[in-house]
All heavy atoms as atom14 arrays in JSON, in Angstrom:
{
  "sequence": "TADCLPILIFDARTRARAAVHAGWRGTLARIVEKTLDLMASRFGT",
  "atom14_mask": [
    [1, 1, 1, 1, 1, 1, 1, 0, 0, 0, 0, 0, 0, 0],
    [1, 1, 1, 1, 1, 0, 0, 0, 0, 0, 0, 0, 0, 0],
    [1, 1, 1, 1, 1, 1, 1, 1, 0, 0, 0, 0, 0, 0],
    [1, 1, 1, 1, 1, 1, 0, 0, 0, 0, 0, 0, 0, 0],
    [1, 1, 1, 1, 1, 1, 1, 1, 0, 0, 0, 0, 0, 0],
    [1, 1, 1, 1, 1, 1, 1, 0, 0, 0, 0, 0, 0, 0],
    [1, 1, 1, 1, 1, 1, 1, 1, 0, 0, 0, 0, 0, 0],
    [1, 1, 1, 1, 1, 1, 1, 1, 0, 0, 0, 0, 0, 0],
    [1, 1, 1, 1, 1, 1, 1, 1, 0, 0, 0, 0, 0, 0],
    [1, 1, 1, 1, 1, 1, 1, 1, 1, 1, 1, 0, 0, 0],
    [1, 1, 1, 1, 1, 1, 1, 1, 0, 0, 0, 0, 0, 0],
    [1, 1, 1, 1, 1, 0, 0, 0, 0, 0, 0, 0, 0, 0],
    [1, 1, 1, 1, 1, 1, 1, 1, 1, 1, 1, 0, 0, 0],
    [1, 1, 1, 1, 1, 1, 1, 0, 0, 0, 0, 0, 0, 0],
    [1, 1, 1, 1, 1, 1, 1, 1, 1, 1, 1, 0, 0, 0],
    [1, 1, 1, 1, 1, 0, 0, 0, 0, 0, 0, 0, 0, 0],
    [1, 1, 1, 1, 1, 1, 1, 1, 1, 1, 1, 0, 0, 0],
    [1, 1, 1, 1, 1, 0, 0, 0, 0, 0, 0, 0, 0, 0],
    [1, 1, 1, 1, 1, 0, 0, 0, 0, 0, 0, 0, 0, 0],
    [1, 1, 1, 1, 1, 1, 1, 0, 0, 0, 0, 0, 0, 0],
    [1, 1, 1, 1, 1, 1, 1, 1, 1, 1, 0, 0, 0, 0],
    [1, 1, 1, 1, 1, 0, 0, 0, 0, 0, 0, 0, 0, 0],
    [1, 1, 1, 1, 0, 0, 0, 0, 0, 0, 0, 0, 0, 0],
    [1, 1, 1, 1, 1, 1, 1, 1, 1, 1, 1, 1, 1, 1],
    [1, 1, 1, 1, 1, 1, 1, 1, 1, 1, 1, 0, 0, 0],
    [1, 1, 1, 1, 0, 0, 0, 0, 0, 0, 0, 0, 0, 0],
    [1, 1, 1, 1, 1, 1, 1, 0, 0, 0, 0, 0, 0, 0],
    [1, 1, 1, 1, 1, 1, 1, 1, 0, 0, 0, 0, 0, 0],
    [1, 1, 1, 1, 1, 0, 0, 0, 0, 0, 0, 0, 0, 0],
    [1, 1, 1, 1, 1, 1, 1, 1, 1, 1, 1, 0, 0, 0],
    [1, 1, 1, 1, 1, 1, 1, 1, 0, 0, 0, 0, 0, 0],
    [1, 1, 1, 1, 1, 1, 1, 0, 0, 0, 0, 0, 0, 0],
    [1, 1, 1, 1, 1, 1, 1, 1, 1, 0, 0, 0, 0, 0],
    [1, 1, 1, 1, 1, 1, 1, 1, 1, 0, 0, 0, 0, 0],
    [1, 1, 1, 1, 1, 1, 1, 0, 0, 0, 0, 0, 0, 0],
    [1, 1, 1, 1, 1, 1, 1, 1, 0, 0, 0, 0, 0, 0],
    [1, 1, 1, 1, 1, 1, 1, 1, 0, 0, 0, 0, 0, 0],
    [1, 1, 1, 1, 1, 1, 1, 1, 0, 0, 0, 0, 0, 0],
    [1, 1, 1, 1, 1, 1, 1, 1, 0, 0, 0, 0, 0, 0],
    [1, 1, 1, 1, 1, 0, 0, 0, 0, 0, 0, 0, 0, 0],
    [1, 1, 1, 1, 1, 1, 0, 0, 0, 0, 0, 0, 0, 0],
    [1, 1, 1, 1, 1, 1, 1, 1, 1, 1, 1, 0, 0, 0],
    [1, 1, 1, 1, 1, 1, 1, 1, 1, 1, 1, 0, 0, 0],
    [1, 1, 1, 1, 0, 0, 0, 0, 0, 0, 0, 0, 0, 0],
    [1, 1, 1, 1, 1, 1, 1, 0, 0, 0, 0, 0, 0, 0]
  ],
  "atom14_positions": [
    [[63.69, 69.62, 90.49], [64.94, 68.81, 90.18], [66.02, 69.01, 91.15], [66.12, 69.93, 91.94], [65.51, 69.35, 88.76], [65.87, 70.72, 88.86], [64.59, 69.21, 87.66], [0.0, 0.0, 0.0], [0.0, 0.0, 0.0], [0.0, 0.0, 0.0], [0.0, 0.0, 0.0], [0.0, 0.0, 0.0], [0.0, 0.0, 0.0], [0.0, 0.0, 0.0]],
    [[66.94, 68.06, 91.13], [68.22, 68.04, 91.94], [69.28, 67.33, 91.14], [69.96, 66.54, 91.73], [68.01, 67.57, 93.31], [0.0, 0.0, 0.0], [0.0, 0.0, 0.0], [0.0, 0.0, 0.0], [0.0, 0.0, 0.0], [0.0, 0.0, 0.0], [0.0, 0.0, 0.0], [0.0, 0.0, 0.0], [0.0, 0.0, 0.0], [0.0, 0.0, 0.0]],
    [[69.34, 67.48, 89.87], [70.18, 66.96, 88.87], [69.58, 66.75, 87.52], [70.17, 66.88, 86.46], [71.02, 65.68, 89.36], [72.19, 65.93, 90.21], [72.73, 67.04, 90.13], [72.53, 65.13, 91.05], [0.0, 0.0, 0.0], [0.0, 0.0, 0.0], [0.0, 0.0, 0.0], [0.0, 0.0, 0.0], [0.0, 0.0, 0.0], [0.0, 0.0, 0.0]],
    [[68.31, 66.22, 87.64], [67.62, 65.92, 86.34], [67.41, 67.18, 85.59], [67.5, 68.3, 86.01], [66.24, 65.24, 86.68], [66.35, 63.61, 87.5], [0.0, 0.0, 0.0], [0.0, 0.0, 0.0], [0.0, 0.0, 0.0], [0.0, 0.0, 0.0], [0.0, 0.0, 0.0], [0.0, 0.0, 0.0], [0.0, 0.0, 0.0], [0.0, 0.0, 0.0]],
    [[67.11, 66.93, 84.24], [66.91, 68.1, 83.36], [65.58, 68.73, 83.6], [64.52, 67.97, 83.52], [66.95, 67.55, 81.89], [68.36, 67.57, 81.23], [69.32, 66.71, 81.99], [68.25, 67.15, 79.85], [0.0, 0.0, 0.0], [0.0, 0.0, 0.0], [0.0, 0.0, 0.0], [0.0, 0.0, 0.0], [0.0, 0.0, 0.0], [0.0, 0.0, 0.0]],
    [[65.5, 70.05, 83.74], [64.17, 70.73, 83.65], [64.17, 71.37, 82.31], [65.02, 72.19, 81.88], [64.4, 71.87, 84.75], [65.89, 72.19, 84.76], [66.56, 70.87, 84.32], [0.0, 0.0, 0.0], [0.0, 0.0, 0.0], [0.0, 0.0, 0.0], [0.0, 0.0, 0.0], [0.0, 0.0, 0.0], [0.0, 0.0, 0.0], [0.0, 0.0, 0.0]],
    [[63.11, 70.99, 81.48], [63.03, 71.4, 80.09], [61.74, 72.23, 79.95], [60.63, 71.79, 80.23], [62.94, 70.17, 79.24], [64.22, 69.31, 79.45], [62.9, 70.58, 77.68], [64.04, 67.91, 79.07], [0.0, 0.0, 0.0], [0.0, 0.0, 0.0], [0.0, 0.0, 0.0], [0.0, 0.0, 0.0], [0.0, 0.0, 0.0], [0.0, 0.0, 0.0]],
    [[61.88, 73.37, 79.45], [60.77, 74.38, 79.18], [60.56, 74.44, 77.67], [61.49, 74.69, 76.91], [61.04, 75.74, 79.81], [61.31, 75.78, 81.24], [61.5, 77.22, 81.7], [60.2, 75.1, 82.08], [0.0, 0.0, 0.0], [0.0, 0.0, 0.0], [0.0, 0.0, 0.0], [0.0, 0.0, 0.0], [0.0, 0.0, 0.0], [0.0, 0.0, 0.0]],
    [[59.35, 74.24, 77.2], [59.0, 74.33, 75.78], [57.93, 75.36, 75.61], [56.95, 75.49, 76.27], [58.42, 72.98, 75.34], [59.45, 71.84, 75.55], [58.09, 73.08, 73.81], [58.96, 70.49, 75.28], [0.0, 0.0, 0.0], [0.0, 0.0, 0.0], [0.0, 0.0, 0.0], [0.0, 0.0, 0.0], [0.0, 0.0, 0.0], [0.0, 0.0, 0.0]],
    [[58.18, 76.26, 74.63], [57.21, 77.43, 74.37], [56.88, 77.39, 72.83], [57.86, 77.43, 72.01], [57.73, 78.72, 74.81], [56.87, 79.85, 74.41], [55.51, 79.94, 74.99], [57.25, 80.9, 73.53], [54.69, 80.99, 74.58], [56.39, 81.96, 73.22], [55.09, 81.96, 73.72], [0.0, 0.0, 0.0], [0.0, 0.0, 0.0], [0.0, 0.0, 0.0]],
    [[55.7, 77.34, 72.46], [55.21, 77.51, 71.11], [54.78, 78.93, 70.93], [53.88, 79.37, 71.45], [54.03, 76.55, 70.97], [53.34, 76.58, 69.63], [53.76, 77.51, 68.81], [52.42, 75.83, 69.27], [0.0, 0.0, 0.0], [0.0, 0.0, 0.0], [0.0, 0.0, 0.0], [0.0, 0.0, 0.0], [0.0, 0.0, 0.0], [0.0, 0.0, 0.0]],
    [[55.65, 79.58, 70.19], [55.42, 81.05, 70.02], [54.2, 81.43, 69.14], [53.71, 82.43, 69.18], [56.7, 81.73, 69.31], [0.0, 0.0, 0.0], [0.0, 0.0, 0.0], [0.0, 0.0, 0.0], [0.0, 0.0, 0.0], [0.0, 0.0, 0.0], [0.0, 0.0, 0.0], [0.0, 0.0, 0.0], [0.0, 0.0, 0.0], [0.0, 0.0, 0.0]],
    [[53.7, 80.46, 68.34], [52.56, 80.67, 67.54], [51.24, 80.55, 68.34], [50.36, 81.4, 68.31], [52.48, 79.7, 66.34], [51.38, 80.03, 65.32], [51.55, 79.06, 64.11], [51.43, 77.7, 64.5], [50.3, 77.06, 64.62], [49.1, 77.63, 64.3], [50.26, 75.76, 64.96], [0.0, 0.0, 0.0], [0.0, 0.0, 0.0], [0.0, 0.0, 0.0]],
    [[51.15, 79.41, 69.06], [49.81, 79.21, 69.87], [49.95, 79.52, 71.32], [48.91, 79.65, 71.93], [49.51, 77.71, 69.76], [50.5, 76.91, 70.53], [49.54, 77.23, 68.35], [0.0, 0.0, 0.0], [0.0, 0.0, 0.0], [0.0, 0.0, 0.0], [0.0, 0.0, 0.0], [0.0, 0.0, 0.0], [0.0, 0.0, 0.0], [0.0, 0.0, 0.0]],
    [[51.15, 79.82, 71.82], [51.45, 80.15, 73.18], [51.19, 78.97, 74.09], [51.15, 79.12, 75.28], [50.73, 81.37, 73.67], [51.18, 82.65, 72.92], [50.7, 83.92, 73.56], [51.41, 84.13, 74.84], [52.58, 84.71, 74.93], [53.28, 85.05, 73.87], [53.16, 84.95, 76.18], [0.0, 0.0, 0.0], [0.0, 0.0, 0.0], [0.0, 0.0, 0.0]],
    [[51.1, 77.75, 73.53], [51.06, 76.56, 74.37], [52.53, 76.42, 74.97], [53.48, 76.85, 74.4], [50.78, 75.31, 73.47], [0.0, 0.0, 0.0], [0.0, 0.0, 0.0], [0.0, 0.0, 0.0], [0.0, 0.0, 0.0], [0.0, 0.0, 0.0], [0.0, 0.0, 0.0], [0.0, 0.0, 0.0], [0.0, 0.0, 0.0], [0.0, 0.0, 0.0]],
    [[52.57, 75.78, 76.1], [53.86, 75.67, 76.77], [53.92, 74.4, 77.68], [52.88, 73.85, 78.0], [54.24, 76.86, 77.59], [53.13, 77.26, 78.57], [53.18, 78.74, 78.91], [52.09, 79.08, 79.77], [50.93, 79.43, 79.36], [50.55, 79.44, 78.16], [49.91, 79.74, 80.3], [0.0, 0.0, 0.0], [0.0, 0.0, 0.0], [0.0, 0.0, 0.0]],
    [[55.13, 73.99, 77.98], [55.34, 72.76, 78.7], [56.48, 72.89, 79.63], [57.47, 73.56, 79.37], [55.42, 71.51, 77.84], [0.0, 0.0, 0.0], [0.0, 0.0, 0.0], [0.0, 0.0, 0.0], [0.0, 0.0, 0.0], [0.0, 0.0, 0.0], [0.0, 0.0, 0.0], [0.0, 0.0, 0.0], [0.0, 0.0, 0.0], [0.0, 0.0, 0.0]],
    [[56.39, 72.18, 80.82], [57.56, 71.99, 81.72], [57.74, 70.5, 81.93], [56.77, 69.75, 82.19], [57.25, 72.7, 83.04], [0.0, 0.0, 0.0], [0.0, 0.0, 0.0], [0.0, 0.0, 0.0], [0.0, 0.0, 0.0], [0.0, 0.0, 0.0], [0.0, 0.0, 0.0], [0.0, 0.0, 0.0], [0.0, 0.0, 0.0], [0.0, 0.0, 0.0]],
    [[58.88, 70.05, 81.63], [59.21, 68.63, 81.59], [60.35, 68.39, 82.56], [61.4, 69.05, 82.65], [59.65, 68.15, 80.21], [59.83, 66.67, 80.13], [58.59, 68.64, 79.19], [0.0, 0.0, 0.0], [0.0, 0.0, 0.0], [0.0, 0.0, 0.0], [0.0, 0.0, 0.0], [0.0, 0.0, 0.0], [0.0, 0.0, 0.0], [0.0, 0.0, 0.0]],
    [[60.19, 67.22, 83.35], [61.2, 66.69, 84.28], [61.75, 65.42, 83.57], [61.07, 64.51, 83.3], [60.63, 66.46, 85.56], [61.42, 65.51, 86.44], [61.15, 64.11, 86.62], [62.55, 65.66, 87.18], [62.03, 63.55, 87.36], [62.91, 64.48, 87.72], [0.0, 0.0, 0.0], [0.0, 0.0, 0.0], [0.0, 0.0, 0.0], [0.0, 0.0, 0.0]],
    [[63.09, 65.41, 83.37], [63.65, 64.26, 82.61], [64.95, 63.74, 83.32], [66.06, 64.47, 83.11], [63.88, 64.6, 81.15], [0.0, 0.0, 0.0], [0.0, 0.0, 0.0], [0.0, 0.0, 0.0], [0.0, 0.0, 0.0], [0.0, 0.0, 0.0], [0.0, 0.0, 0.0], [0.0, 0.0, 0.0], [0.0, 0.0, 0.0], [0.0, 0.0, 0.0]],
    [[64.97, 62.62, 84.02], [66.13, 62.02, 84.42], [66.37, 60.95, 83.28], [66.03, 61.0, 82.17], [0.0, 0.0, 0.0], [0.0, 0.0, 0.0], [0.0, 0.0, 0.0], [0.0, 0.0, 0.0], [0.0, 0.0, 0.0], [0.0, 0.0, 0.0], [0.0, 0.0, 0.0], [0.0, 0.0, 0.0], [0.0, 0.0, 0.0], [0.0, 0.0, 0.0]],
    [[67.24, 59.93, 83.65], [67.66, 59.01, 82.52], [66.51, 58.23, 82.15], [66.34, 57.76, 80.99], [68.87, 58.21, 82.9], [68.71, 57.15, 84.04], [68.97, 57.14, 85.31], [68.18, 55.74, 83.7], [68.69, 55.99, 85.9], [68.22, 55.14, 84.99], [67.67, 55.11, 82.64], [67.83, 53.8, 85.16], [67.38, 53.74, 82.76], [67.39, 53.17, 84.08]],
    [[65.62, 57.86, 83.07], [64.46, 56.97, 82.74], [63.53, 57.77, 81.83], [63.03, 57.31, 80.77], [63.69, 56.51, 83.92], [64.51, 55.54, 84.8], [63.74, 55.17, 86.0], [64.54, 54.19, 86.82], [65.51, 54.36, 87.75], [65.79, 55.72, 87.93], [66.06, 53.47, 88.35], [0.0, 0.0, 0.0], [0.0, 0.0, 0.0], [0.0, 0.0, 0.0]],
    [[63.21, 58.97, 82.16], [62.33, 59.77, 81.29], [62.88, 60.14, 79.9], [62.25, 60.05, 78.91], [0.0, 0.0, 0.0], [0.0, 0.0, 0.0], [0.0, 0.0, 0.0], [0.0, 0.0, 0.0], [0.0, 0.0, 0.0], [0.0, 0.0, 0.0], [0.0, 0.0, 0.0], [0.0, 0.0, 0.0], [0.0, 0.0, 0.0], [0.0, 0.0, 0.0]],
    [[64.19, 60.37, 79.88], [64.92, 60.54, 78.66], [64.86, 59.4, 77.74], [64.54, 59.43, 76.63], [66.39, 61.02, 78.91], [66.42, 62.13, 79.7], [67.1, 61.29, 77.6], [0.0, 0.0, 0.0], [0.0, 0.0, 0.0], [0.0, 0.0, 0.0], [0.0, 0.0, 0.0], [0.0, 0.0, 0.0], [0.0, 0.0, 0.0], [0.0, 0.0, 0.0]],
    [[65.12, 58.21, 78.41], [65.12, 56.9, 77.66], [63.64, 56.6, 77.1], [63.52, 56.03, 76.06], [65.52, 55.8, 78.58], [65.87, 54.45, 77.87], [67.1, 54.6, 77.1], [66.04, 53.42, 79.01], [0.0, 0.0, 0.0], [0.0, 0.0, 0.0], [0.0, 0.0, 0.0], [0.0, 0.0, 0.0], [0.0, 0.0, 0.0], [0.0, 0.0, 0.0]],
    [[62.62, 57.12, 77.84], [61.28, 56.93, 77.4], [60.82, 57.97, 76.44], [59.62, 58.0, 75.91], [60.32, 56.89, 78.57], [0.0, 0.0, 0.0], [0.0, 0.0, 0.0], [0.0, 0.0, 0.0], [0.0, 0.0, 0.0], [0.0, 0.0, 0.0], [0.0, 0.0, 0.0], [0.0, 0.0, 0.0], [0.0, 0.0, 0.0], [0.0, 0.0, 0.0]],
    [[61.74, 58.84, 76.03], [61.48, 59.99, 75.08], [60.36, 60.86, 75.51], [59.43, 61.2, 74.67], [61.24, 59.37, 73.68], [62.48, 58.64, 73.13], [62.23, 58.14, 71.73], [63.57, 57.58, 71.21], [64.45, 58.2, 70.49], [64.34, 59.51, 70.29], [65.57, 57.6, 70.04], [0.0, 0.0, 0.0], [0.0, 0.0, 0.0], [0.0, 0.0, 0.0]],
    [[60.39, 61.32, 76.71], [59.32, 62.12, 77.32], [59.17, 63.43, 76.52], [58.08, 63.94, 76.34], [59.5, 62.31, 78.84], [58.22, 62.98, 79.33], [60.76, 63.04, 79.16], [58.15, 63.12, 80.85], [0.0, 0.0, 0.0], [0.0, 0.0, 0.0], [0.0, 0.0, 0.0], [0.0, 0.0, 0.0], [0.0, 0.0, 0.0], [0.0, 0.0, 0.0]],
    [[60.31, 63.98, 76.05], [60.3, 65.25, 75.35], [59.49, 65.1, 73.99], [58.7, 65.95, 73.62], [61.73, 65.84, 75.23], [61.74, 66.97, 74.16], [62.19, 66.28, 76.54], [0.0, 0.0, 0.0], [0.0, 0.0, 0.0], [0.0, 0.0, 0.0], [0.0, 0.0, 0.0], [0.0, 0.0, 0.0], [0.0, 0.0, 0.0], [0.0, 0.0, 0.0]],
    [[59.88, 64.02, 73.26], [59.13, 63.82, 72.0], [57.64, 63.64, 72.33], [56.78, 64.08, 71.54], [59.72, 62.55, 71.29], [61.07, 62.85, 70.69], [61.5, 61.64, 69.82], [60.74, 61.19, 69.0], [62.66, 61.2, 70.04], [0.0, 0.0, 0.0], [0.0, 0.0, 0.0], [0.0, 0.0, 0.0], [0.0, 0.0, 0.0], [0.0, 0.0, 0.0]],
    [[57.3, 62.95, 73.32], [55.92, 62.66, 73.62], [55.2, 63.97, 74.06], [54.0, 64.15, 73.71], [55.86, 61.61, 74.77], [56.23, 60.23, 74.19], [56.22, 59.17, 75.28], [56.74, 57.84, 74.83], [56.88, 56.83, 75.86], [0.0, 0.0, 0.0], [0.0, 0.0, 0.0], [0.0, 0.0, 0.0], [0.0, 0.0, 0.0], [0.0, 0.0, 0.0]],
    [[55.85, 64.82, 74.71], [55.36, 66.1, 75.08], [55.01, 66.93, 73.88], [53.92, 67.53, 73.7], [56.26, 66.85, 75.99], [56.47, 66.11, 77.21], [55.65, 68.23, 76.41], [0.0, 0.0, 0.0], [0.0, 0.0, 0.0], [0.0, 0.0, 0.0], [0.0, 0.0, 0.0], [0.0, 0.0, 0.0], [0.0, 0.0, 0.0], [0.0, 0.0, 0.0]],
    [[55.97, 67.0, 72.91], [55.7, 67.73, 71.65], [54.65, 67.16, 70.8], [53.77, 67.79, 70.2], [57.03, 67.76, 70.85], [58.1, 68.76, 71.42], [59.41, 68.55, 70.78], [57.59, 70.25, 71.19], [0.0, 0.0, 0.0], [0.0, 0.0, 0.0], [0.0, 0.0, 0.0], [0.0, 0.0, 0.0], [0.0, 0.0, 0.0], [0.0, 0.0, 0.0]],
    [[54.51, 65.78, 70.85], [53.42, 65.17, 70.25], [52.09, 65.53, 70.76], [51.12, 65.73, 70.04], [53.65, 63.61, 70.15], [54.76, 63.15, 69.34], [55.24, 63.95, 68.51], [55.24, 61.98, 69.45], [0.0, 0.0, 0.0], [0.0, 0.0, 0.0], [0.0, 0.0, 0.0], [0.0, 0.0, 0.0], [0.0, 0.0, 0.0], [0.0, 0.0, 0.0]],
    [[52.01, 65.48, 72.1], [50.7, 65.96, 72.74], [50.43, 67.35, 72.4], [49.25, 67.69, 72.21], [50.92, 65.69, 74.32], [49.69, 66.11, 75.11], [48.52, 65.31, 74.72], [49.96, 65.95, 76.6], [0.0, 0.0, 0.0], [0.0, 0.0, 0.0], [0.0, 0.0, 0.0], [0.0, 0.0, 0.0], [0.0, 0.0, 0.0], [0.0, 0.0, 0.0]],
    [[51.39, 68.23, 72.5], [51.14, 69.66, 72.19], [50.67, 69.76, 70.74], [49.74, 70.61, 70.46], [52.47, 70.5, 72.41], [52.81, 70.58, 73.84], [54.48, 71.33, 74.05], [54.07, 73.06, 73.59], [0.0, 0.0, 0.0], [0.0, 0.0, 0.0], [0.0, 0.0, 0.0], [0.0, 0.0, 0.0], [0.0, 0.0, 0.0], [0.0, 0.0, 0.0]],
    [[51.13, 68.97, 69.8], [50.75, 69.01, 68.45], [49.29, 68.5, 68.33], [48.46, 69.15, 67.57], [51.64, 68.18, 67.56], [0.0, 0.0, 0.0], [0.0, 0.0, 0.0], [0.0, 0.0, 0.0], [0.0, 0.0, 0.0], [0.0, 0.0, 0.0], [0.0, 0.0, 0.0], [0.0, 0.0, 0.0], [0.0, 0.0, 0.0], [0.0, 0.0, 0.0]],
    [[48.88, 67.49, 68.99], [47.57, 66.99, 68.93], [46.5, 67.87, 69.61], [45.39, 67.98, 69.11], [47.47, 65.6, 69.47], [47.72, 65.56, 70.86], [0.0, 0.0, 0.0], [0.0, 0.0, 0.0], [0.0, 0.0, 0.0], [0.0, 0.0, 0.0], [0.0, 0.0, 0.0], [0.0, 0.0, 0.0], [0.0, 0.0, 0.0], [0.0, 0.0, 0.0]],
    [[46.96, 68.46, 70.75], [45.9, 69.26, 71.48], [45.92, 70.72, 71.04], [44.81, 71.33, 71.01], [46.26, 69.23, 72.99], [46.13, 67.91, 73.62], [44.65, 67.48, 73.67], [43.9, 68.29, 74.57], [43.66, 68.02, 75.82], [44.13, 66.92, 76.4], [42.94, 68.86, 76.61], [0.0, 0.0, 0.0], [0.0, 0.0, 0.0], [0.0, 0.0, 0.0]],
    [[47.0, 71.35, 70.59], [47.1, 72.72, 70.3], [47.57, 73.04, 69.0], [47.62, 74.21, 68.58], [48.04, 73.38, 71.4], [47.59, 73.01, 72.83], [48.57, 72.44, 73.68], [46.38, 73.39, 73.35], [48.22, 72.06, 74.9], [46.07, 73.04, 74.65], [47.01, 72.39, 75.43], [0.0, 0.0, 0.0], [0.0, 0.0, 0.0], [0.0, 0.0, 0.0]],
    [[47.92, 72.08, 68.23], [48.39, 72.33, 66.84], [49.82, 72.83, 66.78], [50.27, 73.46, 65.78], [0.0, 0.0, 0.0], [0.0, 0.0, 0.0], [0.0, 0.0, 0.0], [0.0, 0.0, 0.0], [0.0, 0.0, 0.0], [0.0, 0.0, 0.0], [0.0, 0.0, 0.0], [0.0, 0.0, 0.0], [0.0, 0.0, 0.0], [0.0, 0.0, 0.0]],
    [[50.6, 72.57, 67.79], [51.95, 72.89, 67.86], [52.78, 72.38, 66.76], [52.72, 71.12, 66.38], [52.62, 72.54, 69.26], [51.9, 73.25, 70.31], [54.13, 72.75, 69.25], [0.0, 0.0, 0.0], [0.0, 0.0, 0.0], [0.0, 0.0, 0.0], [0.0, 0.0, 0.0], [0.0, 0.0, 0.0], [0.0, 0.0, 0.0], [0.0, 0.0, 0.0]]
  ]
}
C-alpha cells in the first residue's frame, strides 16, 4: 500500500486468515465482505 487500506483478518477458531488491499474501487466492490464470505465457505469462518 501507499494510501490504500491494508486489512488483516484472523479467525481465532479455525486460524484462517486474510490480507486485503482496498482502495476506493475495492471498497466499493465490497472486497472485505467477499473475503469473509470466501473464508466462511472454505474454512467455516
